[in-house]
Amino acid sequence: MDAARVEITVRRPDGETDIVSGGKITHMTDRVWAMMQDATRKAGRGECISYINIAASETPAQALLAEIRSLTDQATNTADSNPAKSINLSARAMELKREWDANYADNYNTNECPNAGDSTLDTE
């Protein structure tokens, strides 16, 4: 069985987006996330956009769905206080939903993740 891990989405200074491993970090916390965002920005390595904690038993498809749901929730929660951030979070969630649809939707066992097809995101 795979160990738990963290995947971090980073927007590089040249505009490219990378997904990188959290290295020895197996579960991201808010405190560590804030420090990582600050250190990455200060080092000129880009902007840490999002992270996803992947449990040892989670498939990559399940982890991606969890990240989509998390971004959607964050977008909803920031809509009134920070509309621009909410729009950016929604756009990222829609980008990931398109990725999920392209890579997993047709071949995904919905018994494994019963809510897989119930996304509230409209990517059309």
N, C-alpha and C. Protein backbone atom coordinates (compact mmCIF):
# COMPACT_ATOMS: atom_id res chain seq x y z
N MET A 1 0.84 -1.18 0.00
CA MET A 1 0.00 0.00 0.00
C MET A 1 0.88 1.24 0.00
N ASP A 2 0.49 2.25 -0.76
CA ASP A 2 1.24 3.50 -0.80
C ASP A 2 1.13 4.25 0.52
N ALA A 3 2.15 5.02 0.82
CA ALA A 3 2.11 5.88 2.01
C ALA A 3 1.28 7.12 1.71
N ALA A 4 0.77 7.73 2.74
CA ALA A 4 0.07 8.99 2.58
C ALA A 4 1.05 10.02 2.03
N ARG A 5 0.52 10.96 1.25
CA ARG A 5 1.40 11.97 0.66
C ARG A 5 0.63 13.26 0.43
N VAL A 6 1.37 14.30 0.07
CA VAL A 6 0.79 15.60 -0.23
C VAL A 6 1.23 15.98 -1.64
N GLU A 7 0.31 16.49 -2.44
CA GLU A 7 0.65 17.06 -3.74
C GLU A 7 0.30 18.54 -3.70
N ILE A 8 1.22 19.35 -4.19
CA ILE A 8 1.09 20.80 -4.13
C ILE A 8 1.08 21.36 -5.55
N THR A 9 0.12 22.23 -5.82
CA THR A 9 0.05 22.89 -7.12
C THR A 9 0.73 24.24 -7.00
N VAL A 10 1.73 24.47 -7.87
CA VAL A 10 2.53 25.69 -7.82
C VAL A 10 2.46 26.39 -9.18
N ARG A 11 2.14 27.68 -9.15
CA ARG A 11 2.20 28.48 -10.38
C ARG A 11 3.58 29.14 -10.38
N ARG A 12 4.38 28.76 -11.35
CA ARG A 12 5.75 29.25 -11.45
C ARG A 12 5.77 30.69 -11.99
N PRO A 13 6.89 31.39 -11.78
CA PRO A 13 6.99 32.78 -12.26
C PRO A 13 6.76 32.94 -13.76
N ASP A 14 7.06 31.88 -14.54
CA ASP A 14 6.85 31.96 -15.99
C ASP A 14 5.40 31.65 -16.39
N GLY A 15 4.53 31.41 -15.39
CA GLY A 15 3.13 31.14 -15.67
C GLY A 15 2.76 29.68 -15.75
N GLU A 16 3.76 28.81 -15.85
CA GLU A 16 3.50 27.37 -15.89
C GLU A 16 2.98 26.89 -14.53
N THR A 17 2.17 25.86 -14.53
CA THR A 17 1.66 25.28 -13.30
C THR A 17 2.24 23.89 -13.16
N ASP A 18 2.81 23.61 -11.99
CA ASP A 18 3.39 22.31 -11.69
C ASP A 18 2.69 21.69 -10.50
N ILE A 19 2.62 20.38 -10.49
CA ILE A 19 2.18 19.65 -9.31
C ILE A 19 3.40 18.95 -8.76
N VAL A 20 3.74 19.26 -7.52
CA VAL A 20 4.95 18.72 -6.92
C VAL A 20 4.60 17.93 -5.66
N SER A 21 5.48 17.03 -5.31
CA SER A 21 5.31 16.23 -4.11
C SER A 21 5.67 17.06 -2.88
N GLY A 22 5.01 16.77 -1.79
CA GLY A 22 5.32 17.45 -0.53
C GLY A 22 6.56 16.89 0.14
N GLY A 23 7.27 16.00 -0.55
CA GLY A 23 8.49 15.42 0.03
C GLY A 23 8.19 14.59 1.25
N LYS A 24 8.80 14.93 2.35
CA LYS A 24 8.60 14.17 3.59
C LYS A 24 7.29 14.51 4.29
N ILE A 25 6.62 15.55 3.84
CA ILE A 25 5.34 15.93 4.45
C ILE A 25 4.27 14.96 3.97
N THR A 26 3.63 14.27 4.90
CA THR A 26 2.59 13.30 4.52
C THR A 26 1.19 13.82 4.80
N HIS A 27 1.09 14.95 5.51
CA HIS A 27 -0.20 15.58 5.77
C HIS A 27 0.03 17.07 5.99
N MET A 28 -0.53 17.89 5.10
CA MET A 28 -0.36 19.34 5.19
C MET A 28 -1.31 19.91 6.25
N THR A 29 -0.78 20.83 7.06
CA THR A 29 -1.60 21.55 8.02
C THR A 29 -1.65 23.02 7.61
N ASP A 30 -2.58 23.77 8.15
CA ASP A 30 -2.69 25.19 7.82
C ASP A 30 -1.40 25.95 8.15
N ARG A 31 -0.80 25.62 9.27
CA ARG A 31 0.43 26.31 9.70
C ARG A 31 1.58 26.04 8.71
N VAL A 32 1.77 24.78 8.35
CA VAL A 32 2.84 24.43 7.42
C VAL A 32 2.55 25.00 6.04
N TRP A 33 1.27 24.99 5.63
CA TRP A 33 0.88 25.55 4.33
C TRP A 33 1.24 27.04 4.25
N ALA A 34 0.93 27.78 5.29
CA ALA A 34 1.24 29.22 5.32
C ALA A 34 2.75 29.44 5.22
N MET A 35 3.52 28.64 5.94
CA MET A 35 4.99 28.77 5.88
C MET A 35 5.51 28.41 4.49
N MET A 36 4.94 27.37 3.87
CA MET A 36 5.38 26.95 2.55
C MET A 36 5.06 28.02 1.50
N GLN A 37 3.86 28.60 1.59
CA GLN A 37 3.49 29.66 0.65
C GLN A 37 4.45 30.84 0.77
N ASP A 38 4.73 31.23 2.00
CA ASP A 38 5.62 32.37 2.25
C ASP A 38 7.04 32.07 1.75
N ALA A 39 7.57 30.90 2.05
CA ALA A 39 8.93 30.55 1.64
C ALA A 39 9.06 30.46 0.12
N THR A 40 8.05 29.89 -0.53
CA THR A 40 8.09 29.76 -1.99
C THR A 40 8.06 31.13 -2.65
N ARG A 41 7.21 32.01 -2.14
CA ARG A 41 7.10 33.37 -2.68
C ARG A 41 8.42 34.13 -2.47
N LYS A 42 8.96 34.07 -1.24
CA LYS A 42 10.21 34.78 -0.93
C LYS A 42 11.39 34.26 -1.75
N ALA A 43 11.39 32.99 -2.08
CA ALA A 43 12.48 32.40 -2.86
C ALA A 43 12.33 32.69 -4.35
N GLY A 44 11.21 33.31 -4.73
CA GLY A 44 11.00 33.62 -6.14
C GLY A 44 10.69 32.40 -6.99
N ARG A 45 10.17 31.33 -6.35
CA ARG A 45 9.89 30.07 -7.04
C ARG A 45 8.44 29.98 -7.53
N GLY A 46 7.66 31.02 -7.28
CA GLY A 46 6.27 31.02 -7.73
C GLY A 46 5.31 31.15 -6.58
N GLU A 47 4.06 30.73 -6.84
CA GLU A 47 2.99 30.86 -5.86
C GLU A 47 2.38 29.49 -5.62
N CYS A 48 2.34 29.06 -4.37
CA CYS A 48 1.67 27.81 -4.02
C CYS A 48 0.17 28.08 -4.08
N ILE A 49 -0.52 27.40 -4.98
CA ILE A 49 -1.94 27.66 -5.21
C ILE A 49 -2.83 26.79 -4.34
N SER A 50 -2.54 25.51 -4.32
CA SER A 50 -3.38 24.59 -3.55
C SER A 50 -2.58 23.35 -3.19
N TYR A 51 -3.13 22.59 -2.27
CA TYR A 51 -2.52 21.32 -1.91
C TYR A 51 -3.62 20.30 -1.71
N ILE A 52 -3.23 19.07 -1.74
CA ILE A 52 -4.18 18.00 -1.46
C ILE A 52 -3.47 16.94 -0.64
N ASN A 53 -4.08 16.58 0.47
CA ASN A 53 -3.59 15.48 1.28
C ASN A 53 -4.18 14.21 0.69
N ILE A 54 -3.33 13.27 0.34
CA ILE A 54 -3.79 12.02 -0.25
C ILE A 54 -3.56 10.90 0.76
N ALA A 55 -4.65 10.34 1.22
CA ALA A 55 -4.57 9.24 2.19
C ALA A 55 -3.97 8.02 1.52
N ALA A 56 -3.40 7.16 2.30
CA ALA A 56 -2.75 5.97 1.76
C ALA A 56 -3.72 5.12 0.95
N SER A 57 -4.98 5.12 1.31
CA SER A 57 -5.96 4.27 0.63
C SER A 57 -6.67 4.98 -0.52
N GLU A 58 -6.39 6.25 -0.74
CA GLU A 58 -7.06 7.02 -1.78
C GLU A 58 -6.44 6.80 -3.15
N THR A 59 -7.26 6.67 -4.15
CA THR A 59 -6.76 6.60 -5.52
C THR A 59 -6.50 8.02 -6.01
N PRO A 60 -5.72 8.20 -7.05
CA PRO A 60 -5.52 9.55 -7.59
C PRO A 60 -6.83 10.21 -8.02
N ALA A 61 -7.77 9.42 -8.54
CA ALA A 61 -9.07 9.98 -8.95
C ALA A 61 -9.84 10.50 -7.74
N GLN A 62 -9.83 9.74 -6.65
CA GLN A 62 -10.51 10.19 -5.44
C GLN A 62 -9.85 11.44 -4.87
N ALA A 63 -8.53 11.48 -4.91
CA ALA A 63 -7.81 12.65 -4.41
C ALA A 63 -8.14 13.89 -5.24
N LEU A 64 -8.22 13.73 -6.55
CA LEU A 64 -8.55 14.86 -7.42
C LEU A 64 -9.96 15.36 -7.13
N LEU A 65 -10.91 14.45 -6.94
CA LEU A 65 -12.27 14.85 -6.60
C LEU A 65 -12.30 15.60 -5.27
N ALA A 66 -11.52 15.14 -4.31
CA ALA A 66 -11.46 15.80 -3.01
C ALA A 66 -10.92 17.22 -3.16
N GLU A 67 -9.91 17.40 -4.01
CA GLU A 67 -9.36 18.74 -4.23
C GLU A 67 -10.39 19.64 -4.91
N ILE A 68 -11.12 19.10 -5.87
CA ILE A 68 -12.16 19.88 -6.55
C ILE A 68 -13.21 20.34 -5.54
N ARG A 69 -13.64 19.43 -4.69
CA ARG A 69 -14.64 19.79 -3.67
C ARG A 69 -14.09 20.83 -2.70
N SER A 70 -12.85 20.68 -2.31
CA SER A 70 -12.24 21.63 -1.39
C SER A 70 -12.17 23.03 -2.01
N LEU A 71 -11.72 23.11 -3.27
CA LEU A 71 -11.63 24.41 -3.94
C LEU A 71 -13.02 25.03 -4.11
N THR A 72 -14.02 24.20 -4.43
CA THR A 72 -15.38 24.70 -4.59
C THR A 72 -15.90 25.25 -3.27
N ASP A 73 -15.64 24.53 -2.18
CA ASP A 73 -16.05 25.02 -0.86
C ASP A 73 -15.36 26.33 -0.51
N GLN A 74 -14.04 26.41 -0.78
CA GLN A 74 -13.30 27.64 -0.50
C GLN A 74 -13.85 28.80 -1.31
N ALA A 75 -14.19 28.54 -2.58
CA ALA A 75 -14.74 29.59 -3.44
C ALA A 75 -16.06 30.11 -2.89
N THR A 76 -16.90 29.19 -2.44
CA THR A 76 -18.19 29.58 -1.87
C THR A 76 -17.99 30.40 -0.60
N ASN A 77 -17.06 29.97 0.24
CA ASN A 77 -16.84 30.64 1.52
C ASN A 77 -16.20 32.02 1.38
N THR A 78 -15.52 32.28 0.27
CA THR A 78 -14.86 33.58 0.11
C THR A 78 -15.60 34.51 -0.86
N ALA A 79 -16.73 34.06 -1.38
CA ALA A 79 -17.44 34.83 -2.41
C ALA A 79 -17.79 36.24 -1.96
N ASP A 80 -18.25 36.41 -0.74
CA ASP A 80 -18.64 37.74 -0.27
C ASP A 80 -17.45 38.58 0.18
N SER A 81 -16.50 37.96 0.88
CA SER A 81 -15.39 38.72 1.43
C SER A 81 -14.29 39.02 0.42
N ASN A 82 -14.11 38.15 -0.57
CA ASN A 82 -13.03 38.34 -1.53
C ASN A 82 -13.45 37.75 -2.89
N PRO A 83 -14.28 38.48 -3.63
CA PRO A 83 -14.80 37.95 -4.89
C PRO A 83 -13.72 37.53 -5.89
N ALA A 84 -12.62 38.27 -5.97
CA ALA A 84 -11.56 37.93 -6.92
C ALA A 84 -10.95 36.57 -6.56
N LYS A 85 -10.69 36.35 -5.29
CA LYS A 85 -10.14 35.07 -4.86
C LYS A 85 -11.14 33.95 -5.15
N SER A 86 -12.41 34.20 -4.90
CA SER A 86 -13.45 33.22 -5.16
C SER A 86 -13.48 32.83 -6.64
N ILE A 87 -13.36 33.81 -7.51
CA ILE A 87 -13.35 33.54 -8.96
C ILE A 87 -12.14 32.69 -9.33
N ASN A 88 -10.97 33.03 -8.77
CA ASN A 88 -9.75 32.25 -9.06
C ASN A 88 -9.87 30.81 -8.57
N LEU A 89 -10.44 30.63 -7.37
CA LEU A 89 -10.62 29.28 -6.83
C LEU A 89 -11.60 28.49 -7.70
N SER A 90 -12.67 29.14 -8.13
CA SER A 90 -13.66 28.47 -8.99
C SER A 90 -13.03 28.08 -10.33
N ALA A 91 -12.22 28.97 -10.89
CA ALA A 91 -11.57 28.67 -12.16
C ALA A 91 -10.63 27.48 -12.01
N ARG A 92 -9.89 27.42 -10.92
CA ARG A 92 -8.98 26.29 -10.68
C ARG A 92 -9.78 25.00 -10.51
N ALA A 93 -10.90 25.07 -9.78
CA ALA A 93 -11.74 23.89 -9.59
C ALA A 93 -12.29 23.39 -10.94
N MET A 94 -12.70 24.31 -11.80
CA MET A 94 -13.22 23.92 -13.11
C MET A 94 -12.12 23.31 -13.97
N GLU A 95 -10.90 23.85 -13.86
CA GLU A 95 -9.76 23.29 -14.60
C GLU A 95 -9.51 21.84 -14.15
N LEU A 96 -9.54 21.61 -12.84
CA LEU A 96 -9.32 20.26 -12.32
C LEU A 96 -10.47 19.33 -12.68
N LYS A 97 -11.69 19.86 -12.73
CA LYS A 97 -12.85 19.05 -13.12
C LYS A 97 -12.70 18.59 -14.56
N ARG A 98 -12.24 19.47 -15.43
CA ARG A 98 -12.00 19.07 -16.82
C ARG A 98 -10.93 17.98 -16.88
N GLU A 99 -9.88 18.12 -16.06
CA GLU A 99 -8.82 17.11 -16.00
C GLU A 99 -9.41 15.78 -15.52
N TRP A 100 -10.25 15.83 -14.47
CA TRP A 100 -10.86 14.61 -13.96
C TRP A 100 -11.74 13.96 -15.03
N ASP A 101 -12.56 14.76 -15.69
CA ASP A 101 -13.42 14.23 -16.75
C ASP A 101 -12.61 13.55 -17.84
N ALA A 102 -11.51 14.18 -18.25
CA ALA A 102 -10.68 13.65 -19.33
C ALA A 102 -9.97 12.36 -18.93
N ASN A 103 -9.56 12.26 -17.67
CA ASN A 103 -8.74 11.12 -17.25
C ASN A 103 -9.48 10.00 -16.55
N TYR A 104 -10.59 10.32 -15.89
CA TYR A 104 -11.21 9.31 -15.02
C TYR A 104 -12.70 9.06 -15.26
N ALA A 105 -13.43 10.02 -15.75
CA ALA A 105 -14.90 9.93 -15.77
C ALA A 105 -15.42 8.69 -16.49
N ASP A 106 -14.88 8.37 -17.65
CA ASP A 106 -15.41 7.26 -18.43
C ASP A 106 -15.12 5.89 -17.82
N ASN A 107 -14.03 5.77 -17.12
CA ASN A 107 -13.61 4.46 -16.62
C ASN A 107 -13.66 4.35 -15.10
N TYR A 108 -14.32 5.28 -14.46
CA TYR A 108 -14.28 5.29 -13.00
C TYR A 108 -15.39 4.44 -12.41
N ASN A 109 -15.04 3.66 -11.41
CA ASN A 109 -16.00 2.82 -10.71
C ASN A 109 -16.75 3.68 -9.71
N THR A 110 -18.00 4.00 -10.00
CA THR A 110 -18.74 4.91 -9.13
C THR A 110 -19.08 4.27 -7.79
N ASN A 111 -18.95 2.94 -7.67
CA ASN A 111 -19.13 2.30 -6.37
C ASN A 111 -17.99 2.69 -5.43
N GLU A 112 -16.82 2.94 -6.02
CA GLU A 112 -15.65 3.35 -5.25
C GLU A 112 -15.83 4.76 -4.71
N CYS A 113 -16.47 5.59 -5.49
CA CYS A 113 -16.69 6.99 -5.11
C CYS A 113 -18.07 7.38 -5.63
N PRO A 114 -19.14 7.08 -4.87
CA PRO A 114 -20.50 7.22 -5.38
C PRO A 114 -20.88 8.63 -5.84
N ASN A 115 -20.22 9.64 -5.34
CA ASN A 115 -20.59 11.01 -5.73
C ASN A 115 -19.77 11.53 -6.92
N ALA A 116 -19.06 10.65 -7.58
CA ALA A 116 -18.16 11.06 -8.66
C ALA A 116 -18.89 11.84 -9.74
N GLY A 117 -20.08 11.44 -10.08
CA GLY A 117 -20.81 12.11 -11.15
C GLY A 117 -21.69 13.25 -10.68
N ASP A 118 -21.67 13.56 -9.39
CA ASP A 118 -22.57 14.57 -8.85
C ASP A 118 -21.93 15.93 -8.69
N SER A 119 -20.92 16.21 -9.46
CA SER A 119 -20.22 17.49 -9.31
C SER A 119 -21.15 18.65 -9.62
N THR A 120 -21.04 19.69 -8.84
CA THR A 120 -21.85 20.88 -9.06
C THR A 120 -21.16 21.85 -10.02
N LEU A 121 -19.98 21.46 -10.49
CA LEU A 121 -19.25 22.34 -11.39
C LEU A 121 -19.70 22.13 -12.82
N ASP A 122 -19.99 23.20 -13.52
CA ASP A 122 -20.35 23.11 -14.92
C ASP A 122 -19.15 23.59 -15.72
N THR A 123 -18.55 22.69 -16.47
CA THR A 123 -17.34 23.05 -17.20
C THR A 123 -17.61 23.33 -18.66
N GLU A 124 -18.85 23.38 -19.05
CA GLU A 124 -19.19 23.65 -20.45
C GLU A 124 -19.05 25.12 -20.76
